[in-house]
Amino acid sequence: MQLTAHALPELATRLTAARKRQGLSRAQAASVCGVSPSFIRDAESDPGRCSLLKLLLLATGLGLKVSLGGWQEDAEAGIE
């Protein structure tokens, strides 16, 4: 999934699905991921209002792979 502003609803869906697939309540997931239950509620409803750091904590805590591609300048310079 390429993370863009238009993809945020899909991110919310994937975060919710990963949490539920693992049988975790919001409180349990918050404990595992190092965020608050209210943050998980916000991330699952409107991740555009959430900090990127906490979204990364939640996603990786749920076992989702997160990656960031190269910057445009790097691609033009041949740097990976």
C-alpha atoms as a PDB file:
ATOM      1  CA  MET A   1       0.000   0.000   0.000  1.00  0.00           C
ATOM      2  CA  GLN A   2       1.418   3.368  -0.973  1.00  0.00           C
ATOM      3  CA  LEU A   3       0.683   5.833   1.786  1.00  0.00           C
ATOM      4  CA  THR A   4      -0.955   8.952   0.393  1.00  0.00           C
ATOM      5  CA  ALA A   5      -3.652  11.258   1.718  1.00  0.00           C
ATOM      6  CA  HIS A   6      -6.170   9.391  -0.435  1.00  0.00           C
ATOM      7  CA  ALA A   7      -5.078   6.036   1.027  1.00  0.00           C
ATOM      8  CA  LEU A   8      -5.703   6.998   4.665  1.00  0.00           C
ATOM      9  CA  PRO A   9      -9.174   5.379   4.793  1.00  0.00           C
ATOM     10  CA  GLU A  10      -7.558   2.132   3.571  1.00  0.00           C
ATOM     11  CA  LEU A  11      -4.884   2.474   6.257  1.00  0.00           C
ATOM     12  CA  ALA A  12      -7.609   2.805   8.885  1.00  0.00           C
ATOM     13  CA  THR A  13      -9.305  -0.322   7.539  1.00  0.00           C
ATOM     14  CA  ARG A  14      -6.059  -2.290   7.559  1.00  0.00           C
ATOM     15  CA  LEU A  15      -5.181  -1.224  11.103  1.00  0.00           C
ATOM     16  CA  THR A  16      -8.627  -2.257  12.341  1.00  0.00           C
ATOM     17  CA  ALA A  17      -8.485  -5.569  10.469  1.00  0.00           C
ATOM     18  CA  ALA A  18      -5.015  -6.399  11.839  1.00  0.00           C
ATOM     19  CA  ARG A  19      -6.109  -5.665  15.407  1.00  0.00           C
ATOM     20  CA  LYS A  20      -9.313  -7.699  15.106  1.00  0.00           C
ATOM     21  CA  ARG A  21      -7.561 -10.591  13.314  1.00  0.00           C
ATOM     22  CA  GLN A  22      -5.319 -10.870  16.375  1.00  0.00           C
ATOM     23  CA  GLY A  23      -8.318 -10.804  18.683  1.00  0.00           C
ATOM     24  CA  LEU A  24      -7.159  -7.655  20.452  1.00  0.00           C
ATOM     25  CA  SER A  25      -9.370  -5.033  22.023  1.00  0.00           C
ATOM     26  CA  ARG A  26      -8.312  -1.434  21.578  1.00  0.00           C
ATOM     27  CA  ALA A  27      -7.021  -1.415  25.159  1.00  0.00           C
ATOM     28  CA  GLN A  28      -4.975  -4.583  24.594  1.00  0.00           C
ATOM     29  CA  ALA A  29      -3.539  -3.295  21.314  1.00  0.00           C
ATOM     30  CA  ALA A  30      -2.696   0.018  22.962  1.00  0.00           C
ATOM     31  CA  SER A  31      -0.747  -1.779  25.660  1.00  0.00           C
ATOM     32  CA  VAL A  32       1.185  -3.852  23.118  1.00  0.00           C
ATOM     33  CA  CYS A  33       1.892  -0.919  20.798  1.00  0.00           C
ATOM     34  CA  GLY A  34       2.729   1.750  23.355  1.00  0.00           C
ATOM     35  CA  VAL A  35      -0.128   4.098  22.479  1.00  0.00           C
ATOM     36  CA  SER A  36      -3.418   4.984  24.158  1.00  0.00           C
ATOM     37  CA  PRO A  37      -6.763   3.306  23.425  1.00  0.00           C
ATOM     38  CA  SER A  38      -8.115   6.689  22.315  1.00  0.00           C
ATOM     39  CA  PHE A  39      -5.260   6.949  19.810  1.00  0.00           C
ATOM     40  CA  ILE A  40      -6.247   3.597  18.344  1.00  0.00           C
ATOM     41  CA  ARG A  41      -9.839   4.800  18.063  1.00  0.00           C
ATOM     42  CA  ASP A  42      -8.632   7.904  16.238  1.00  0.00           C
ATOM     43  CA  ALA A  43      -6.256   5.959  13.978  1.00  0.00           C
ATOM     44  CA  GLU A  44      -9.027   3.555  13.007  1.00  0.00           C
ATOM     45  CA  SER A  45     -11.466   6.347  12.222  1.00  0.00           C
ATOM     46  CA  ASP A  46      -9.328   9.232  10.888  1.00  0.00           C
ATOM     47  CA  PRO A  47      -5.584   8.491  10.668  1.00  0.00           C
ATOM     48  CA  GLY A  48      -4.999  11.816   8.923  1.00  0.00           C
ATOM     49  CA  ARG A  49      -5.329  13.506  12.304  1.00  0.00           C
ATOM     50  CA  CYS A  50      -2.717  11.253  13.923  1.00  0.00           C
ATOM     51  CA  SER A  51       1.017  11.664  14.302  1.00  0.00           C
ATOM     52  CA  LEU A  52       3.111   9.624  11.918  1.00  0.00           C
ATOM     53  CA  LEU A  53       5.284   8.379  14.787  1.00  0.00           C
ATOM     54  CA  LYS A  54       2.321   6.929  16.648  1.00  0.00           C
ATOM     55  CA  LEU A  55       0.864   5.448  13.453  1.00  0.00           C
ATOM     56  CA  LEU A  56       4.199   3.695  12.929  1.00  0.00           C
ATOM     57  CA  LEU A  57       4.190   2.429  16.518  1.00  0.00           C
ATOM     58  CA  LEU A  58       0.679   1.061  16.035  1.00  0.00           C
ATOM     59  CA  ALA A  59       1.326  -0.516  12.649  1.00  0.00           C
ATOM     60  CA  THR A  60       4.583  -2.196  13.646  1.00  0.00           C
ATOM     61  CA  GLY A  61       3.138  -3.224  17.005  1.00  0.00           C
ATOM     62  CA  LEU A  62       0.374  -5.025  15.127  1.00  0.00           C
ATOM     63  CA  GLY A  63       2.976  -6.775  12.987  1.00  0.00           C
ATOM     64  CA  LEU A  64       2.391  -4.769   9.829  1.00  0.00           C
ATOM     65  CA  LYS A  65       5.405  -4.021   7.661  1.00  0.00           C
ATOM     66  CA  VAL A  66       6.026  -0.326   7.158  1.00  0.00           C
ATOM     67  CA  SER A  67       8.515   1.013   4.637  1.00  0.00           C
ATOM     68  CA  LEU A  68       9.457   4.370   3.258  1.00  0.00           C
ATOM     69  CA  GLY A  69      10.699   4.600  -0.294  1.00  0.00           C
ATOM     70  CA  GLY A  70      13.513   6.785  -1.484  1.00  0.00           C
ATOM     71  CA  TRP A  71      13.160  10.493  -1.854  1.00  0.00           C
ATOM     72  CA  GLN A  72      12.719  11.878  -5.362  1.00  0.00           C
ATOM     73  CA  GLU A  73      16.148  13.510  -5.216  1.00  0.00           C
ATOM     74  CA  ASP A  74      17.719  10.145  -4.290  1.00  0.00           C
ATOM     75  CA  ALA A  75      16.060   8.428  -7.243  1.00  0.00           C
ATOM     76  CA  GLU A  76      17.356  11.082  -9.606  1.00  0.00           C
ATOM     77  CA  ALA A  77      20.871  10.698  -8.173  1.00  0.00           C
ATOM     78  CA  GLY A  78      20.738   6.886  -8.358  1.00  0.00           C
ATOM     79  CA  ILE A  79      20.752   6.456  -4.561  1.00  0.00           C
ATOM     80  CA  GLU A  80      18.548   3.755  -3.041  1.00  0.00           C
END
